[in-house]
Amino acid sequence: MSAATLPQAAPSSNPEKLDPCMYPPASVSNNIESPAEVRTLDQLKNFVHISLCRKENLLEHHFPMSELELMQNGNRCGYQFVLHGPRSVKLAAVWAEPSNEILFYDATGHRFARIRLPHRVS
């Protein structure tokens, strides 16, 4: 197949032009593996990212994750995270701030884990 006939990647697949709500995978040095270690929003994001990757045996830090701040009556009540894996695989997690727990959902939409964090996320 000649270079002229190779399919071209869509412009949106350029890693420098990610959606503003998406962030690249965290660095390996910031791995948070236990809920007891989560104390900040960045640590929460990292913990969720690693947990979702491990659920589907994906290489950690190779797939982007988007986030959406959830609001109720003008106040933050949590975050929704979506890991964008290969072949349009999407895994999700929702952190509920009032109860300080994370609900994890697999690629089929079924909840596979519920983890209560021992420390408030700041």
C-alpha atoms as a PDB file:
ATOM      1  CA  MET A   1       0.000   0.000   0.000  1.00  0.00           C
ATOM      2  CA  SER A   2       1.515   3.340  -0.954  1.00  0.00           C
ATOM      3  CA  ALA A   3       1.741   6.285   1.405  1.00  0.00           C
ATOM      4  CA  ALA A   4      -0.863   8.144  -0.654  1.00  0.00           C
ATOM      5  CA  THR A   5      -3.518   5.505   0.045  1.00  0.00           C
ATOM      6  CA  LEU A   6      -2.955   5.131   3.786  1.00  0.00           C
ATOM      7  CA  PRO A   7      -5.866   6.358   5.891  1.00  0.00           C
ATOM      8  CA  GLN A   8      -5.210   9.646   7.618  1.00  0.00           C
ATOM      9  CA  ALA A   9      -5.931  10.197  11.301  1.00  0.00           C
ATOM     10  CA  ALA A  10      -8.710  12.598  12.118  1.00  0.00           C
ATOM     11  CA  PRO A  11      -7.508  16.015  13.325  1.00  0.00           C
ATOM     12  CA  SER A  12      -9.173  15.437  16.711  1.00  0.00           C
ATOM     13  CA  SER A  13      -6.898  12.461  17.381  1.00  0.00           C
ATOM     14  CA  ASN A  14      -3.938  14.819  17.765  1.00  0.00           C
ATOM     15  CA  PRO A  15      -2.897  14.590  21.451  1.00  0.00           C
ATOM     16  CA  GLU A  16      -2.064  18.307  21.547  1.00  0.00           C
ATOM     17  CA  LYS A  17      -5.669  19.142  20.643  1.00  0.00           C
ATOM     18  CA  LEU A  18      -7.526  17.209  23.337  1.00  0.00           C
ATOM     19  CA  ASP A  19     -10.912  18.365  24.461  1.00  0.00           C
ATOM     20  CA  PRO A  20     -10.504  20.961  27.263  1.00  0.00           C
ATOM     21  CA  CYS A  21     -12.217  18.567  29.694  1.00  0.00           C
ATOM     22  CA  MET A  22      -9.759  15.773  28.917  1.00  0.00           C
ATOM     23  CA  TYR A  23      -6.370  15.467  30.451  1.00  0.00           C
ATOM     24  CA  PRO A  24      -3.507  13.216  29.447  1.00  0.00           C
ATOM     25  CA  PRO A  25      -2.680  10.238  31.645  1.00  0.00           C
ATOM     26  CA  ALA A  26      -0.866  11.070  34.863  1.00  0.00           C
ATOM     27  CA  SER A  27       2.816  10.415  35.247  1.00  0.00           C
ATOM     28  CA  VAL A  28       3.857   7.050  36.608  1.00  0.00           C
ATOM     29  CA  SER A  29       5.487   8.627  39.662  1.00  0.00           C
ATOM     30  CA  ASN A  30       2.095   9.825  40.956  1.00  0.00           C
ATOM     31  CA  ASN A  31       0.473   6.379  41.250  1.00  0.00           C
ATOM     32  CA  ILE A  32      -2.167   6.247  43.980  1.00  0.00           C
ATOM     33  CA  GLU A  33      -3.129   2.641  44.609  1.00  0.00           C
ATOM     34  CA  SER A  34      -5.089   2.778  47.861  1.00  0.00           C
ATOM     35  CA  PRO A  35      -8.244   4.763  48.718  1.00  0.00           C
ATOM     36  CA  ALA A  36      -6.541   5.760  51.984  1.00  0.00           C
ATOM     37  CA  GLU A  37      -3.944   7.720  49.982  1.00  0.00           C
ATOM     38  CA  VAL A  38      -6.538   9.929  48.251  1.00  0.00           C
ATOM     39  CA  ARG A  39      -6.669  13.420  49.761  1.00  0.00           C
ATOM     40  CA  THR A  40      -6.665  15.815  46.786  1.00  0.00           C
ATOM     41  CA  LEU A  41      -8.603  16.049  43.546  1.00  0.00           C
ATOM     42  CA  ASP A  42      -5.471  15.166  41.529  1.00  0.00           C
ATOM     43  CA  GLN A  43      -4.937  12.055  43.655  1.00  0.00           C
ATOM     44  CA  LEU A  44      -8.600  11.136  43.160  1.00  0.00           C
ATOM     45  CA  LYS A  45      -8.240  11.445  39.371  1.00  0.00           C
ATOM     46  CA  ASN A  46      -5.104   9.311  39.419  1.00  0.00           C
ATOM     47  CA  PHE A  47      -6.701   6.640  41.643  1.00  0.00           C
ATOM     48  CA  VAL A  48      -9.776   6.454  39.392  1.00  0.00           C
ATOM     49  CA  HIS A  49      -7.632   6.286  36.248  1.00  0.00           C
ATOM     50  CA  ILE A  50      -5.527   3.405  37.585  1.00  0.00           C
ATOM     51  CA  SER A  51      -8.579   1.529  38.920  1.00  0.00           C
ATOM     52  CA  LEU A  52     -10.436   1.751  35.604  1.00  0.00           C
ATOM     53  CA  CYS A  53      -7.374   0.640  33.615  1.00  0.00           C
ATOM     54  CA  ARG A  54      -6.865  -2.362  35.872  1.00  0.00           C
ATOM     55  CA  LYS A  55     -10.503  -3.426  35.539  1.00  0.00           C
ATOM     56  CA  GLU A  56     -10.075  -4.020  31.796  1.00  0.00           C
ATOM     57  CA  ASN A  57      -6.369  -4.959  31.935  1.00  0.00           C
ATOM     58  CA  LEU A  58      -5.408  -1.801  30.040  1.00  0.00           C
ATOM     59  CA  LEU A  59      -1.914  -0.384  30.192  1.00  0.00           C
ATOM     60  CA  GLU A  60      -1.954   2.345  32.805  1.00  0.00           C
ATOM     61  CA  HIS A  61      -1.214   5.870  31.607  1.00  0.00           C
ATOM     62  CA  HIS A  62      -1.789   5.031  27.933  1.00  0.00           C
ATOM     63  CA  PHE A  63      -5.396   6.217  27.608  1.00  0.00           C
ATOM     64  CA  PRO A  64      -6.908   9.645  28.288  1.00  0.00           C
ATOM     65  CA  MET A  65      -9.679  10.253  30.785  1.00  0.00           C
ATOM     66  CA  SER A  66     -12.272  13.010  30.594  1.00  0.00           C
ATOM     67  CA  GLU A  67     -13.919  14.572  33.595  1.00  0.00           C
ATOM     68  CA  LEU A  68     -17.103  16.492  34.209  1.00  0.00           C
ATOM     69  CA  GLU A  69     -17.807  18.477  37.359  1.00  0.00           C
ATOM     70  CA  LEU A  70     -21.283  17.656  38.687  1.00  0.00           C
ATOM     71  CA  MET A  71     -23.304  20.520  40.147  1.00  0.00           C
ATOM     72  CA  GLN A  72     -26.449  20.669  42.275  1.00  0.00           C
ATOM     73  CA  ASN A  73     -28.033  24.024  43.140  1.00  0.00           C
ATOM     74  CA  GLY A  74     -24.854  25.782  42.007  1.00  0.00           C
ATOM     75  CA  ASN A  75     -22.567  23.755  44.272  1.00  0.00           C
ATOM     76  CA  ARG A  76     -20.168  20.987  43.290  1.00  0.00           C
ATOM     77  CA  CYS A  77     -21.536  17.591  44.314  1.00  0.00           C
ATOM     78  CA  GLY A  78     -19.035  15.354  42.542  1.00  0.00           C
ATOM     79  CA  TYR A  79     -17.224  14.421  39.351  1.00  0.00           C
ATOM     80  CA  GLN A  80     -17.876  12.009  36.524  1.00  0.00           C
ATOM     81  CA  PHE A  81     -14.797  10.391  34.960  1.00  0.00           C
ATOM     82  CA  VAL A  82     -14.709   8.513  31.645  1.00  0.00           C
ATOM     83  CA  LEU A  83     -11.660   6.519  30.550  1.00  0.00           C
ATOM     84  CA  HIS A  84     -11.407   6.382  26.753  1.00  0.00           C
ATOM     85  CA  GLY A  85      -9.820   3.027  25.973  1.00  0.00           C
ATOM     86  CA  PRO A  86      -9.075   1.244  22.701  1.00  0.00           C
ATOM     87  CA  ARG A  87     -11.780   0.420  20.147  1.00  0.00           C
ATOM     88  CA  SER A  88     -14.217   2.938  21.653  1.00  0.00           C
ATOM     89  CA  VAL A  89     -14.187   1.161  25.028  1.00  0.00           C
ATOM     90  CA  LYS A  90     -15.367   3.546  27.737  1.00  0.00           C
ATOM     91  CA  LEU A  91     -15.250   2.903  31.464  1.00  0.00           C
ATOM     92  CA  ALA A  92     -16.671   5.339  33.974  1.00  0.00           C
ATOM     93  CA  ALA A  93     -16.592   6.354  37.601  1.00  0.00           C
ATOM     94  CA  VAL A  94     -18.588   8.858  39.608  1.00  0.00           C
ATOM     95  CA  TRP A  95     -17.289  10.459  42.787  1.00  0.00           C
ATOM     96  CA  ALA A  96     -20.125  11.642  45.030  1.00  0.00           C
ATOM     97  CA  GLU A  97     -18.771  14.402  47.252  1.00  0.00           C
ATOM     98  CA  PRO A  98     -21.468  14.351  49.991  1.00  0.00           C
ATOM     99  CA  SER A  99     -20.967  10.632  50.696  1.00  0.00           C
ATOM    100  CA  ASN A 100     -17.270  10.725  49.667  1.00  0.00           C
ATOM    101  CA  GLU A 101     -17.547   7.516  47.675  1.00  0.00           C
ATOM    102  CA  ILE A 102     -16.629   6.414  44.159  1.00  0.00           C
ATOM    103  CA  LEU A 103     -18.915   4.265  42.013  1.00  0.00           C
ATOM    104  CA  PHE A 104     -17.116   2.391  39.214  1.00  0.00           C
ATOM    105  CA  TYR A 105     -18.811   1.216  35.998  1.00  0.00           C
ATOM    106  CA  ASP A 106     -17.456  -1.218  33.402  1.00  0.00           C
ATOM    107  CA  ALA A 107     -17.697  -0.938  29.610  1.00  0.00           C
ATOM    108  CA  THR A 108     -21.215  -2.440  29.639  1.00  0.00           C
ATOM    109  CA  GLY A 109     -22.483   0.122  32.156  1.00  0.00           C
ATOM    110  CA  HIS A 110     -22.711  -2.269  35.107  1.00  0.00           C
ATOM    111  CA  ARG A 111     -21.392  -1.092  38.453  1.00  0.00           C
ATOM    112  CA  PHE A 112     -18.458  -3.238  39.506  1.00  0.00           C
ATOM    113  CA  ALA A 113     -17.251  -1.445  42.633  1.00  0.00           C
ATOM    114  CA  ARG A 114     -18.239   1.045  45.292  1.00  0.00           C
ATOM    115  CA  ILE A 115     -15.447   2.517  47.388  1.00  0.00           C
ATOM    116  CA  ARG A 116     -15.871   4.899  50.299  1.00  0.00           C
ATOM    117  CA  LEU A 117     -12.859   7.173  50.764  1.00  0.00           C
ATOM    118  CA  PRO A 118     -11.659   7.503  54.375  1.00  0.00           C
ATOM    119  CA  HIS A 119     -10.487  11.124  53.914  1.00  0.00           C
ATOM    120  CA  ARG A 120     -12.324  14.113  52.463  1.00  0.00           C
ATOM    121  CA  VAL A 121     -11.041  15.220  49.055  1.00  0.00           C
ATOM    122  CA  SER A 122      -9.942  18.857  48.983  1.00  0.00           C
END
